[in-house]
Protein backbone atom coordinates (compact mmCIF):
# COMPACT_ATOMS: atom_id res chain seq x y z
CA UNK A 1 -15.74 -4.53 -14.04
CA UNK A 2 -13.44 -3.69 -11.15
CA UNK A 3 -13.89 -5.62 -7.90
CA UNK A 4 -12.18 -5.36 -4.53
CA UNK A 5 -11.11 -8.08 -2.13
CA UNK A 6 -10.26 -7.90 1.55
CA UNK A 7 -7.66 -10.49 2.51
CA UNK A 8 -5.36 -12.78 0.58
CA UNK A 9 -7.70 -15.56 -0.55
CA UNK A 10 -7.62 -14.47 -4.20
CA UNK A 11 -3.98 -13.30 -4.24
CA UNK A 12 -1.89 -14.09 -7.28
CA UNK A 13 1.65 -13.55 -6.01
CA UNK A 14 3.36 -13.26 -9.41
CA UNK A 15 0.85 -10.55 -10.39
CA UNK A 16 1.54 -8.73 -7.12
CA UNK A 17 5.28 -8.74 -7.84
CA UNK A 18 4.59 -7.48 -11.38
CA UNK A 19 2.34 -4.70 -10.02
CA UNK A 20 5.01 -3.42 -7.64
CA UNK A 21 7.69 -3.70 -10.32
CA UNK A 22 5.60 -1.59 -12.72
CA UNK A 23 4.96 1.13 -10.15
CA UNK A 24 8.52 1.08 -8.78
CA UNK A 25 7.72 0.05 -5.22
CA UNK A 26 9.46 -2.49 -2.98
CA UNK A 27 12.37 -2.06 -5.37
CA UNK A 28 15.04 -3.17 -2.88
CA UNK A 29 13.30 -6.54 -2.45
CA UNK A 30 12.25 -7.05 -6.07
CA UNK A 31 15.71 -6.27 -7.46
CA UNK A 32 17.17 -8.93 -5.17
CA UNK A 33 14.38 -11.38 -6.11
CA UNK A 34 13.34 -11.63 -2.46
CA UNK A 35 9.76 -12.53 -3.37
CA UNK A 36 9.39 -14.71 -0.28
CA UNK A 37 9.96 -11.66 1.94
CA UNK A 38 7.23 -9.70 0.13
CA UNK A 39 4.83 -12.61 0.45
CA UNK A 40 5.60 -12.99 4.16
CA UNK A 41 5.14 -9.23 4.72
CA UNK A 42 1.68 -9.38 3.15
CA UNK A 43 0.75 -12.51 5.08
CA UNK A 44 1.71 -10.83 8.37
CA UNK A 45 -0.27 -7.66 7.59
CA UNK A 46 -3.24 -6.62 9.69
CA UNK A 47 -5.31 -5.90 6.59
CA UNK A 48 -4.79 -6.23 2.82
CA UNK A 49 -7.08 -4.90 0.09
CA UNK A 50 -6.67 -5.72 -3.59
CA UNK A 51 -8.34 -4.43 -6.75
CA UNK A 52 -9.13 -6.69 -9.71
CA UNK A 53 -10.22 -6.18 -13.29
CA UNK A 54 -11.63 -9.65 -13.85
CA UNK A 55 -8.74 -11.95 -12.93
CA UNK A 56 -6.09 -9.25 -13.38
CA UNK A 57 -4.61 -7.70 -10.22
CA UNK A 58 -4.60 -3.93 -10.78
CA UNK A 59 -4.05 -2.52 -7.29
CA UNK A 60 -3.14 -3.36 -3.72
CA UNK A 61 -2.54 -1.80 -0.32
CA UNK A 62 -1.95 -3.04 3.20
CA UNK A 63 -1.94 -1.96 6.82
CA UNK A 64 0.14 -3.01 9.79
CA UNK A 65 -1.55 -2.50 13.14
CA UNK A 66 -2.16 -3.68 16.67
CA UNK A 67 -5.84 -3.01 15.95
CA UNK A 68 -6.13 -0.64 18.90
CA UNK A 69 -3.58 2.16 19.20
CA UNK A 70 -2.06 2.68 15.74
CA UNK A 71 -2.12 1.61 12.13
CA UNK A 72 0.41 2.23 9.37
CA UNK A 73 -0.45 2.09 5.67
CA UNK A 74 2.11 0.65 3.27
CA UNK A 75 2.52 -0.31 -0.37
CA UNK A 76 -0.44 1.50 -1.95
CA UNK A 77 -0.08 0.73 -5.65
CA UNK A 78 -2.27 0.89 -8.75
CA UNK A 79 -1.18 -0.08 -12.26
CA UNK A 80 -0.43 3.10 -14.25
CA UNK A 81 -3.22 2.50 -16.76
CA UNK A 82 -5.78 2.37 -13.91
CA UNK A 83 -4.53 5.42 -12.00
CA UNK A 84 -6.71 8.53 -11.72
CA UNK A 85 -9.85 6.38 -12.10
CA UNK A 86 -10.85 6.01 -8.45
CA UNK A 87 -9.13 2.65 -7.84
CA UNK A 88 -6.66 4.00 -5.29
CA UNK A 89 -9.40 5.91 -3.48
CA UNK A 90 -11.55 2.78 -3.21
CA UNK A 91 -8.59 0.68 -2.04
CA UNK A 92 -7.86 3.19 0.72
CA UNK A 93 -11.54 3.59 1.65
CA UNK A 94 -11.85 -0.16 2.16
CA UNK A 95 -8.51 -0.36 4.00
CA UNK A 96 -9.57 2.38 6.44
CA UNK A 97 -13.15 1.15 6.91
CA UNK A 98 -13.74 0.20 10.52
CA UNK A 99 -10.55 1.91 11.66
CA UNK A 100 -12.02 5.41 12.12
CA UNK A 101 -11.06 5.64 15.82
CA UNK A 102 -7.45 4.54 15.34
CA UNK A 103 -4.63 6.96 14.42
CA UNK A 104 -3.28 5.97 10.99
CA UNK A 105 0.17 6.88 9.65
CA UNK A 106 1.64 6.62 6.15
CA UNK A 107 4.45 7.93 4.01
CA UNK A 108 3.22 9.25 0.66
CA UNK A 109 5.26 8.64 -2.45
CA UNK A 110 6.47 11.89 -3.99
CA UNK A 111 3.76 13.52 -6.08
CA UNK A 112 0.90 11.72 -4.34
CA UNK A 113 0.62 13.89 -1.25
CA UNK A 114 -2.59 15.59 -2.41
CA UNK A 115 -4.25 12.19 -2.95
CA UNK A 116 -3.85 11.37 0.73
CA UNK A 117 -4.95 14.87 1.75
CA UNK A 118 -8.26 14.28 -0.06
CA UNK A 119 -8.70 11.19 2.14
CA UNK A 120 -8.28 13.28 5.31
CA UNK A 121 -4.58 12.71 6.01
CA UNK A 122 -2.59 15.65 7.34
CA UNK A 123 1.15 16.30 7.22
CA UNK A 124 2.87 15.08 10.39
CA UNK A 125 5.12 17.64 12.07
CA UNK A 126 7.63 15.32 13.75
CA UNK A 127 7.79 12.04 11.85
CA UNK A 128 11.10 10.20 11.63
CA UNK A 129 12.22 7.09 9.81
CA UNK A 130 15.20 4.75 9.91
CA UNK A 131 16.03 2.64 6.87
CA UNK A 132 18.75 -0.03 6.52
CA UNK A 133 19.42 1.40 3.03
CA UNK A 134 19.62 4.86 1.41
CA UNK A 135 16.19 6.36 0.90
CA UNK A 136 15.06 9.49 -0.92
CA UNK A 137 12.37 9.86 1.77
CA UNK A 138 14.81 10.73 4.57
CA UNK A 139 16.99 13.77 5.06
CA UNK A 140 20.76 13.51 5.42
């Protein structure tokens, strides 16, 4: 049975690193074995939601926010064998719960744009990003 947790009390860090390795996220930190940076990023997040199949971590997402003006969703990940089964939708539903009056931003991974559209997200007309490394998500 799949359960969901708000916060980091149940977090198994090695399983989190495995999850993001399997889905190809946070690659620049994982390849350099900068696990402490990932852990710190999650600890400093406004909100974290995880999905569990028993004791196995199968999904995670987080939000950065001031809790008033804006929120930004990052690192939405579900193990491949659990994708397309409602886990990502439930993670996002719980992450966004209570934040209905706050503008929320995110960058969708390629191929997942329609998933976020079903959750009410709309394409932003003037978003920009600056990365300290080459990214396939930016032009030029």
